[in-house]
Structures are given as C-alpha cells and as structure tokens.
PDB file of N, CA and C in Angstrom:
ATOM      1  N   MET A   1      32.927  64.344  27.828  1.00  0.00           N
ATOM      2  CA  MET A   1      33.170  62.981  28.259  1.00  0.00           C
ATOM      3  C   MET A   1      31.985  62.082  27.920  1.00  0.00           C
ATOM      4  N   ASN A   2      30.772  62.612  28.037  1.00  0.00           N
ATOM      5  CA  ASN A   2      29.595  61.828  27.727  1.00  0.00           C
ATOM      6  C   ASN A   2      29.615  61.366  26.270  1.00  0.00           C
ATOM      7  N   ARG A   3      30.055  62.245  25.347  1.00  0.00           N
ATOM      8  CA  ARG A   3      30.135  61.893  23.932  1.00  0.00           C
ATOM      9  C   ARG A   3      31.153  60.768  23.721  1.00  0.00           C
ATOM     10  N   LEU A   4      32.267  60.813  24.419  1.00  0.00           N
ATOM     11  CA  LEU A   4      33.284  59.772  24.312  1.00  0.00           C
ATOM     12  C   LEU A   4      32.738  58.428  24.792  1.00  0.00           C
ATOM     13  N   ILE A   5      32.040  58.437  25.903  1.00  0.00           N
ATOM     14  CA  ILE A   5      31.472  57.194  26.440  1.00  0.00           C
ATOM     15  C   ILE A   5      30.417  56.636  25.493  1.00  0.00           C
ATOM     16  N   ARG A   6      29.565  57.493  24.923  1.00  0.00           N
ATOM     17  CA  ARG A   6      28.564  57.028  23.951  1.00  0.00           C
ATOM     18  C   ARG A   6      29.239  56.421  22.732  1.00  0.00           C
ATOM     19  N   GLY A   7      30.328  57.037  22.274  1.00  0.00           N
ATOM     20  CA  GLY A   7      31.022  56.526  21.099  1.00  0.00           C
ATOM     21  C   GLY A   7      31.688  55.189  21.348  1.00  0.00           C
ATOM     22  N   ILE A   8      32.307  55.053  22.497  1.00  0.00           N
ATOM     23  CA  ILE A   8      33.001  53.811  22.824  1.00  0.00           C
ATOM     24  C   ILE A   8      32.003  52.674  23.064  1.00  0.00           C
ATOM     25  N   THR A   9      30.892  52.975  23.705  1.00  0.00           N
ATOM     26  CA  THR A   9      29.926  51.929  24.032  1.00  0.00           C
ATOM     27  C   THR A   9      28.938  51.647  22.904  1.00  0.00           C
ATOM     28  N   TYR A  10      29.064  52.397  21.788  1.00  0.00           N
ATOM     29  CA  TYR A  10      28.234  52.141  20.613  1.00  0.00           C
ATOM     30  C   TYR A  10      26.753  52.367  20.910  1.00  0.00           C
ATOM     31  N   SER A  11      26.442  53.334  21.804  1.00  0.00           N
ATOM     32  CA  SER A  11      25.062  53.548  22.224  1.00  0.00           C
ATOM     33  C   SER A  11      24.412  54.737  21.524  1.00  0.00           C
ATOM     34  N   TYR A  12      24.862  55.066  20.350  1.00  0.00           N
ATOM     35  CA  TYR A  12      24.272  56.155  19.579  1.00  0.00           C
ATOM     36  C   TYR A  12      23.379  55.573  18.482  1.00  0.00           C
ATOM     37  N   ASN A  13      22.642  56.431  17.808  1.00  0.00           N
ATOM     38  CA  ASN A  13      21.689  55.992  16.797  1.00  0.00           C
ATOM     39  C   ASN A  13      22.375  55.782  15.450  1.00  0.00           C
ATOM     40  N   ARG A  14      21.592  55.337  14.473  1.00  0.00           N
ATOM     41  CA  ARG A  14      22.115  55.122  13.128  1.00  0.00           C
ATOM     42  C   ARG A  14      22.736  56.397  12.584  1.00  0.00           C
ATOM     43  N   ASN A  15      23.820  56.246  11.824  1.00  0.00           N
ATOM     44  CA  ASN A  15      24.427  57.429  11.230  1.00  0.00           C
ATOM     45  C   ASN A  15      25.001  57.185   9.833  1.00  0.00           C
ATOM     46  N   ILE A  16      24.791  56.010   9.251  1.00  0.00           N
ATOM     47  CA  ILE A  16      25.229  55.808   7.874  1.00  0.00           C
ATOM     48  C   ILE A  16      24.044  55.407   7.011  1.00  0.00           C
ATOM     49  N   GLY A  17      23.988  55.984   5.837  1.00  0.00           N
ATOM     50  CA  GLY A  17      22.878  55.775   4.915  1.00  0.00           C
ATOM     51  C   GLY A  17      23.114  54.598   3.981  1.00  0.00           C
ATOM     52  N   TRP A  18      22.179  54.412   3.076  1.00  0.00           N
ATOM     53  CA  TRP A  18      22.229  53.246   2.192  1.00  0.00           C
ATOM     54  C   TRP A  18      23.402  53.317   1.230  1.00  0.00           C
ATOM     55  N   GLN A  19      23.781  54.512   0.770  1.00  0.00           N
ATOM     56  CA  GLN A  19      24.915  54.613  -0.148  1.00  0.00           C
ATOM     57  C   GLN A  19      26.206  54.181   0.553  1.00  0.00           C
ATOM     58  N   ASP A  20      26.381  54.657   1.763  1.00  0.00           N
ATOM     59  CA  ASP A  20      27.566  54.315   2.547  1.00  0.00           C
ATOM     60  C   ASP A  20      27.588  52.823   2.861  1.00  0.00           C
ATOM     61  N   ARG A  21      26.441  52.251   3.183  1.00  0.00           N
ATOM     62  CA  ARG A  21      26.375  50.815   3.465  1.00  0.00           C
ATOM     63  C   ARG A  21      26.696  49.993   2.220  1.00  0.00           C
ATOM     64  N   THR A  22      26.277  50.476   1.042  1.00  0.00           N
ATOM     65  CA  THR A  22      26.576  49.765  -0.199  1.00  0.00           C
ATOM     66  C   THR A  22      28.080  49.743  -0.461  1.00  0.00           C
ATOM     67  N   VAL A  23      28.730  50.887  -0.309  1.00  0.00           N
ATOM     68  CA  VAL A  23      30.183  50.960  -0.516  1.00  0.00           C
ATOM     69  C   VAL A  23      30.906  50.080   0.501  1.00  0.00           C
ATOM     70  N   ARG A  24      30.453  50.120   1.742  1.00  0.00           N
ATOM     71  CA  ARG A  24      31.098  49.303   2.778  1.00  0.00           C
ATOM     72  C   ARG A  24      30.896  47.811   2.523  1.00  0.00           C
ATOM     73  N   THR A  25      29.759  47.431   1.945  1.00  0.00           N
ATOM     74  CA  THR A  25      29.529  46.028   1.601  1.00  0.00           C
ATOM     75  C   THR A  25      30.501  45.580   0.517  1.00  0.00           C
ATOM     76  N   ILE A  26      30.696  46.419  -0.503  1.00  0.00           N
ATOM     77  CA  ILE A  26      31.630  46.086  -1.581  1.00  0.00           C
ATOM     78  C   ILE A  26      33.048  45.977  -1.038  1.00  0.00           C
ATOM     79  N   VAL A  27      33.447  46.911  -0.184  1.00  0.00           N
ATOM     80  CA  VAL A  27      34.784  46.856   0.421  1.00  0.00           C
ATOM     81  C   VAL A  27      34.912  45.609   1.296  1.00  0.00           C
ATOM     82  N   GLY A  28      33.862  45.268   2.030  1.00  0.00           N
ATOM     83  CA  GLY A  28      33.890  44.071   2.871  1.00  0.00           C
ATOM     84  C   GLY A  28      34.016  42.798   2.064  1.00  0.00           C
ATOM     85  N   ILE A  29      33.332  42.733   0.927  1.00  0.00           N
ATOM     86  CA  ILE A  29      33.450  41.560   0.055  1.00  0.00           C
ATOM     87  C   ILE A  29      34.867  41.467  -0.506  1.00  0.00           C
ATOM     88  N   GLY A  30      35.415  42.613  -0.926  1.00  0.00           N
ATOM     89  CA  GLY A  30      36.789  42.624  -1.424  1.00  0.00           C
ATOM     90  C   GLY A  30      37.782  42.203  -0.354  1.00  0.00           C
ATOM     91  N   ALA A  31      37.572  42.653   0.868  1.00  0.00           N
ATOM     92  CA  ALA A  31      38.461  42.271   1.965  1.00  0.00           C
ATOM     93  C   ALA A  31      38.337  40.782   2.278  1.00  0.00           C
ATOM     94  N   THR A  32      37.140  40.248   2.170  1.00  0.00           N
ATOM     95  CA  THR A  32      36.946  38.814   2.393  1.00  0.00           C
ATOM     96  C   THR A  32      37.680  38.005   1.329  1.00  0.00           C
ATOM     97  N   VAL A  33      37.563  38.436   0.078  1.00  0.00           N
ATOM     98  CA  VAL A  33      38.285  37.767  -1.010  1.00  0.00           C
ATOM     99  C   VAL A  33      39.793  37.856  -0.768  1.00  0.00           C
ATOM    100  N   GLY A  34      40.275  39.027  -0.335  1.00  0.00           N
ATOM    101  CA  GLY A  34      41.694  39.185  -0.026  1.00  0.00           C
ATOM    102  C   GLY A  34      42.136  38.283   1.109  1.00  0.00           C
ATOM    103  N   ALA A  35      41.302  38.157   2.130  1.00  0.00           N
ATOM    104  CA  ALA A  35      41.648  37.283   3.257  1.00  0.00           C
ATOM    105  C   ALA A  35      41.718  35.827   2.814  1.00  0.00           C
ATOM    106  N   ILE A  36      40.789  35.425   1.965  1.00  0.00           N
ATOM    107  CA  ILE A  36      40.805  34.046   1.463  1.00  0.00           C
ATOM    108  C   ILE A  36      42.044  33.817   0.600  1.00  0.00           C
ATOM    109  N   TYR A  37      42.388  34.790  -0.218  1.00  0.00           N
ATOM    110  CA  TYR A  37      43.557  34.671  -1.098  1.00  0.00           C
ATOM    111  C   TYR A  37      44.846  34.522  -0.291  1.00  0.00           C
ATOM    112  N   PHE A  38      44.987  35.304   0.769  1.00  0.00           N
ATOM    113  CA  PHE A  38      46.215  35.280   1.562  1.00  0.00           C
ATOM    114  C   PHE A  38      46.168  34.275   2.719  1.00  0.00           C
ATOM    115  N   PHE A  39      45.145  33.443   2.786  1.00  0.00           N
ATOM    116  CA  PHE A  39      44.974  32.533   3.915  1.00  0.00           C
ATOM    117  C   PHE A  39      46.198  31.649   4.148  1.00  0.00           C
ATOM    118  N   SER A  40      46.705  31.026   3.108  1.00  0.00           N
ATOM    119  CA  SER A  40      47.810  30.083   3.314  1.00  0.00           C
ATOM    120  C   SER A  40      49.189  30.676   3.050  1.00  0.00           C
ATOM    121  N   SER A  41      49.257  31.836   2.383  1.00  0.00           N
ATOM    122  CA  SER A  41      50.575  32.354   2.010  1.00  0.00           C
ATOM    123  C   SER A  41      51.119  33.426   2.960  1.00  0.00           C
ATOM    124  N   ASN A  42      50.270  34.299   3.476  1.00  0.00           N
ATOM    125  CA  ASN A  42      50.764  35.398   4.309  1.00  0.00           C
ATOM    126  C   ASN A  42      49.772  35.664   5.437  1.00  0.00           C
ATOM    127  N   ILE A  43      50.090  35.231   6.616  1.00  0.00           N
ATOM    128  CA  ILE A  43      49.168  35.331   7.754  1.00  0.00           C
ATOM    129  C   ILE A  43      48.902  36.779   8.142  1.00  0.00           C
ATOM    130  N   THR A  44      49.882  37.667   7.969  1.00  0.00           N
ATOM    131  CA  THR A  44      49.701  39.073   8.326  1.00  0.00           C
ATOM    132  C   THR A  44      48.620  39.721   7.464  1.00  0.00           C
ATOM    133  N   TYR A  45      48.716  39.518   6.148  1.00  0.00           N
ATOM    134  CA  TYR A  45      47.696  40.076   5.245  1.00  0.00           C
ATOM    135  C   TYR A  45      46.341  39.428   5.487  1.00  0.00           C
ATOM    136  N   PHE A  46      46.358  38.129   5.779  1.00  0.00           N
ATOM    137  CA  PHE A  46      45.114  37.429   6.083  1.00  0.00           C
ATOM    138  C   PHE A  46      44.404  38.074   7.277  1.00  0.00           C
ATOM    139  N   ILE A  47      45.152  38.363   8.327  1.00  0.00           N
ATOM    140  CA  ILE A  47      44.569  38.981   9.521  1.00  0.00           C
ATOM    141  C   ILE A  47      44.095  40.398   9.225  1.00  0.00           C
ATOM    142  N   LEU A  48      44.912  41.183   8.510  1.00  0.00           N
ATOM    143  CA  LEU A  48      44.515  42.557   8.182  1.00  0.00           C
ATOM    144  C   LEU A  48      43.243  42.598   7.345  1.00  0.00           C
ATOM    145  N   PHE A  49      43.191  41.780   6.298  1.00  0.00           N
ATOM    146  CA  PHE A  49      41.989  41.748   5.464  1.00  0.00           C
ATOM    147  C   PHE A  49      40.791  41.204   6.242  1.00  0.00           C
ATOM    148  N   GLY A  50      41.022  40.244   7.111  1.00  0.00           N
ATOM    149  CA  GLY A  50      39.935  39.692   7.914  1.00  0.00           C
ATOM    150  C   GLY A  50      39.346  40.713   8.873  1.00  0.00           C
ATOM    151  N   VAL A  51      40.207  41.474   9.534  1.00  0.00           N
ATOM    152  CA  VAL A  51      39.732  42.521  10.449  1.00  0.00           C
ATOM    153  C   VAL A  51      38.977  43.603   9.679  1.00  0.00           C
ATOM    154  N   LEU A  52      39.501  43.988   8.510  1.00  0.00           N
ATOM    155  CA  LEU A  52      38.816  44.980   7.681  1.00  0.00           C
ATOM    156  C   LEU A  52      37.437  44.482   7.267  1.00  0.00           C
ATOM    157  N   ALA A  53      37.340  43.230   6.858  1.00  0.00           N
ATOM    158  CA  ALA A  53      36.056  42.667   6.453  1.00  0.00           C
ATOM    159  C   ALA A  53      35.063  42.652   7.615  1.00  0.00           C
ATOM    160  N   ILE A  54      35.516  42.244   8.783  1.00  0.00           N
ATOM    161  CA  ILE A  54      34.631  42.205   9.958  1.00  0.00           C
ATOM    162  C   ILE A  54      34.157  43.610  10.318  1.00  0.00           C
ATOM    163  N   ALA A  55      35.064  44.580  10.264  1.00  0.00           N
ATOM    164  CA  ALA A  55      34.693  45.962  10.582  1.00  0.00           C
ATOM    165  C   ALA A  55      33.668  46.495   9.581  1.00  0.00           C
ATOM    166  N   GLN A  56      33.878  46.228   8.315  1.00  0.00           N
ATOM    167  CA  GLN A  56      32.958  46.728   7.296  1.00  0.00           C
ATOM    168  C   GLN A  56      31.575  46.082   7.434  1.00  0.00           C
ATOM    169  N   PHE A  57      31.524  44.778   7.582  1.00  0.00           N
ATOM    170  CA  PHE A  57      30.234  44.103   7.716  1.00  0.00           C
ATOM    171  C   PHE A  57      29.540  44.467   9.032  1.00  0.00           C
ATOM    172  N   GLY A  58      30.312  44.725  10.071  1.00  0.00           N
ATOM    173  CA  GLY A  58      29.720  45.153  11.342  1.00  0.00           C
ATOM    174  C   GLY A  58      29.029  46.501  11.220  1.00  0.00           C
ATOM    175  N   THR A  59      29.677  47.436  10.517  1.00  0.00           N
ATOM    176  CA  THR A  59      29.050  48.750  10.339  1.00  0.00           C
ATOM    177  C   THR A  59      27.865  48.670   9.395  1.00  0.00           C
ATOM    178  N   VAL A  60      27.915  47.788   8.419  1.00  0.00           N
ATOM    179  CA  VAL A  60      26.788  47.629   7.500  1.00  0.00           C
ATOM    180  C   VAL A  60      25.578  47.070   8.243  1.00  0.00           C
ATOM    181  N   LEU A  61      25.786  46.055   9.039  1.00  0.00           N
ATOM    182  CA  LEU A  61      24.666  45.423   9.741  1.00  0.00           C
ATOM    183  C   LEU A  61      24.057  46.312  10.817  1.00  0.00           C
ATOM    184  N   SER A  62      24.876  47.111  11.477  1.00  0.00           N
ATOM    185  CA  SER A  62      24.348  47.958  12.549  1.00  0.00           C
ATOM    186  C   SER A  62      23.949  49.347  12.062  1.00  0.00           C
ATOM    187  N   ALA A  63      24.406  49.748  10.867  1.00  0.00           N
ATOM    188  CA  ALA A  63      24.169  51.093  10.311  1.00  0.00           C
ATOM    189  C   ALA A  63      24.747  52.176  11.218  1.00  0.00           C
ATOM    190  N   ARG A  64      25.804  51.832  11.929  1.00  0.00           N
ATOM    191  CA  ARG A  64      26.476  52.781  12.826  1.00  0.00           C
ATOM    192  C   ARG A  64      27.977  52.715  12.588  1.00  0.00           C
ATOM    193  N   CYS A  65      28.629  53.876  12.653  1.00  0.00           N
ATOM    194  CA  CYS A  65      30.078  53.944  12.512  1.00  0.00           C
ATOM    195  C   CYS A  65      30.607  54.919  13.552  1.00  0.00           C
ATOM    196  N   PHE A  66      31.507  54.464  14.412  1.00  0.00           N
ATOM    197  CA  PHE A  66      31.995  55.340  15.476  1.00  0.00           C
ATOM    198  C   PHE A  66      32.889  56.443  14.927  1.00  0.00           C
ATOM    199  N   ILE A  67      33.568  56.221  13.809  1.00  0.00           N
ATOM    200  CA  ILE A  67      34.372  57.283  13.208  1.00  0.00           C
ATOM    201  C   ILE A  67      33.461  58.399  12.700  1.00  0.00           C
ATOM    202  N   CYS A  68      32.377  58.030  12.035  1.00  0.00           N
ATOM    203  CA  CYS A  68      31.417  59.036  11.574  1.00  0.00           C
ATOM    204  C   CYS A  68      30.763  59.741  12.762  1.00  0.00           C
ATOM    205  N   TYR A  69      30.536  59.019  13.850  1.00  0.00           N
ATOM    206  CA  TYR A  69      29.935  59.619  15.035  1.00  0.00           C
ATOM    207  C   TYR A  69      30.851  60.694  15.624  1.00  0.00           C
ATOM    208  N   PHE A  70      32.143  60.363  15.764  1.00  0.00           N
ATOM    209  CA  PHE A  70      33.076  61.323  16.362  1.00  0.00           C
ATOM    210  C   PHE A  70      33.351  62.516  15.459  1.00  0.00           C
ATOM    211  N   THR A  71      33.269  62.329  14.140  1.00  0.00           N
ATOM    212  CA  THR A  71      33.487  63.453  13.225  1.00  0.00           C
ATOM    213  C   THR A  71      32.212  64.234  12.951  1.00  0.00           C
ATOM    214  N   GLY A  72      31.077  63.752  13.443  1.00  0.00           N
ATOM    215  CA  GLY A  72      29.814  64.462  13.271  1.00  0.00           C
ATOM    216  C   GLY A  72      29.180  64.257  11.913  1.00  0.00           C
ATOM    217  N   GLN A  73      29.553  63.203  11.223  1.00  0.00           N
ATOM    218  CA  GLN A  73      29.014  62.922   9.899  1.00  0.00           C
ATOM    219  C   GLN A  73      27.775  62.042   9.998  1.00  0.00           C
ATOM    220  N   CYS A  74      26.828  62.326   9.129  1.00  0.00           N
ATOM    221  CA  CYS A  74      25.635  61.491   9.008  1.00  0.00           C
ATOM    222  C   CYS A  74      25.318  61.393   7.528  1.00  0.00           C
ATOM    223  N   THR A  75      25.396  60.196   6.953  1.00  0.00           N
ATOM    224  CA  THR A  75      25.202  60.036   5.516  1.00  0.00           C
ATOM    225  C   THR A  75      23.796  59.597   5.147  1.00  0.00           C
ATOM    226  N   ILE A  76      22.860  59.753   6.057  1.00  0.00           N
ATOM    227  CA  ILE A  76      21.470  59.399   5.774  1.00  0.00           C
ATOM    228  C   ILE A  76      20.825  60.556   5.018  1.00  0.00           C
ATOM    229  N   ASP A  77      20.290  60.259   3.821  1.00  0.00           N
ATOM    230  CA  ASP A  77      19.668  61.320   3.021  1.00  0.00           C
ATOM    231  C   ASP A  77      18.234  61.577   3.474  1.00  0.00           C
ATOM    232  N   SER A  78      17.631  62.609   2.911  1.00  0.00           N
ATOM    233  CA  SER A  78      16.308  63.048   3.375  1.00  0.00           C
ATOM    234  C   SER A  78      15.227  62.002   3.122  1.00  0.00           C
ATOM    235  N   LYS A  79      15.293  61.289   2.012  1.00  0.00           N
ATOM    236  CA  LYS A  79      14.291  60.257   1.726  1.00  0.00           C
ATOM    237  C   LYS A  79      14.387  59.116   2.738  1.00  0.00           C
ATOM    238  N   GLU A  80      15.614  58.728   3.049  1.00  0.00           N
ATOM    239  CA  GLU A  80      15.802  57.663   4.035  1.00  0.00           C
ATOM    240  C   GLU A  80      15.393  58.131   5.434  1.00  0.00           C
ATOM    241  N   ARG A  81      15.621  59.421   5.736  1.00  0.00           N
ATOM    242  CA  ARG A  81      15.187  59.970   7.032  1.00  0.00           C
ATOM    243  C   ARG A  81      13.675  59.862   7.197  1.00  0.00           C
ATOM    244  N   GLN A  82      12.951  60.201   6.143  1.00  0.00           N
ATOM    245  CA  GLN A  82      11.487  60.104   6.204  1.00  0.00           C
ATOM    246  C   GLN A  82      11.053  58.663   6.415  1.00  0.00           C
ATOM    247  N   ASN A  83      11.705  57.736   5.745  1.00  0.00           N
ATOM    248  CA  ASN A  83      11.382  56.324   5.894  1.00  0.00           C
ATOM    249  C   ASN A  83      11.664  55.849   7.317  1.00  0.00           C
ATOM    250  N   LEU A  84      12.806  56.260   7.878  1.00  0.00           N
ATOM    251  CA  LEU A  84      13.144  55.864   9.256  1.00  0.00           C
ATOM    252  C   LEU A  84      12.168  56.481  10.255  1.00  0.00           C
ATOM    253  N   GLU A  85      11.799  57.746  10.035  1.00  0.00           N
ATOM    254  CA  GLU A  85      10.848  58.402  10.938  1.00  0.00           C
ATOM    255  C   GLU A  85       9.493  57.716  10.905  1.00  0.00           C
ATOM    256  N   SER A  86       9.044  57.273   9.722  1.00  0.00           N
ATOM    257  CA  SER A  86       7.747  56.604   9.628  1.00  0.00           C
ATOM    258  C   SER A  86       7.759  55.268  10.361  1.00  0.00           C
ATOM    259  N   LYS A  87       8.927  54.643  10.455  1.00  0.00           N
ATOM    260  CA  LYS A  87       9.052  53.370  11.170  1.00  0.00           C
ATOM    261  C   LYS A  87       9.411  53.559  12.636  1.00  0.00           C
ATOM    262  N   GLY A  88       9.687  54.799  13.039  1.00  0.00           N
ATOM    263  CA  GLY A  88      10.038  55.074  14.425  1.00  0.00           C
ATOM    264  C   GLY A  88      11.469  54.726  14.790  1.00  0.00           C
ATOM    265  N   ILE A  89      12.353  54.654  13.797  1.00  0.00           N
ATOM    266  CA  ILE A  89      13.757  54.328  14.039  1.00  0.00           C
ATOM    267  C   ILE A  89      14.526  55.628  14.212  1.00  0.00           C
ATOM    268  N   LYS A  90      15.311  55.721  15.275  1.00  0.00           N
ATOM    269  CA  LYS A  90      16.057  56.935  15.548  1.00  0.00           C
ATOM    270  C   LYS A  90      17.363  56.956  14.751  1.00  0.00           C
ATOM    271  N   TYR A  91      17.805  58.152  14.409  1.00  0.00           N
ATOM    272  CA  TYR A  91      19.056  58.339  13.686  1.00  0.00           C
ATOM    273  C   TYR A  91      19.740  59.593  14.177  1.00  0.00           C
ATOM    274  N   GLU A  92      21.050  59.654  13.954  1.00  0.00           N
ATOM    275  CA  GLU A  92      21.829  60.822  14.340  1.00  0.00           C
ATOM    276  C   GLU A  92      21.613  61.939  13.320  1.00  0.00           C
ATOM    277  N   THR A  93      21.683  63.159  13.780  1.00  0.00           N
ATOM    278  CA  THR A  93      21.630  64.290  12.869  1.00  0.00           C
ATOM    279  C   THR A  93      23.041  64.774  12.634  1.00  0.00           C
ATOM    280  N   GLN A  94      23.260  65.363  11.478  1.00  0.00           N
ATOM    281  CA  GLN A  94      24.603  65.839  11.132  1.00  0.00           C
ATOM    282  C   GLN A  94      24.951  67.055  11.958  1.00  0.00           C
ATOM    283  N   LYS A  95      26.142  67.029  12.558  1.00  0.00           N
ATOM    284  CA  LYS A  95      26.613  68.162  13.354  1.00  0.00           C
ATOM    285  C   LYS A  95      27.207  69.206  12.424  1.00  0.00           C
ATOM    286  N   LYS A  96      26.900  70.472  12.676  1.00  0.00           N
ATOM    287  CA  LYS A  96      27.418  71.541  11.810  1.00  0.00           C
ATOM    288  C   LYS A  96      28.424  72.370  12.513  1.00  0.00           C
TER     289      LYS A  96
END
C-alpha cells in the first residue's frame, strides 16, 4: 500500500534518464502540433493530443514517470547516475 500511495502522490525520486526525456520531448512536440492542427476541426482529437502533450512535458520537466515507477523501470544510465550523485540529487534504482 505504501508503494501505491507514493506512486499516486508523485513522492518518489527521478526515474527517467536523458534519452527517455528526449523521446518524450519529441512526442510532446508532435502532440502539440497535432492539437493545434485539430483545434478547430475535431475537438475530441484536440483534447486527446492536448492531454498527451501535457503528460509528456510534465514527465520531462519532473524527470518522473508513475508508469515507470510502478513497473520498476529506471532509464537513468550510469554516467547520469554519477552526475546526479555528485549534485546530491536522489534517483530511483531499477527493481529486479
């Protein structure tokens, strides 16, 4: 139950690395373009693309993803781990 509460409240440490953030940024930009394209023609697609864009940019800015947290994934590589440790930033470890 504690893991569920941590996941819902977003109170866990970083768990996505720079590669994952780069892909999510590209997907977020594409979703933003899609939302702008469908703005006046189809409100359903506009909302779907808008929510996708917000979700992608939110995970990029916070470097946290609750889906990755619940599945035990951590995409932070060893070089980035060393950099985060030198700055004193906490991160999640990959569950095995």
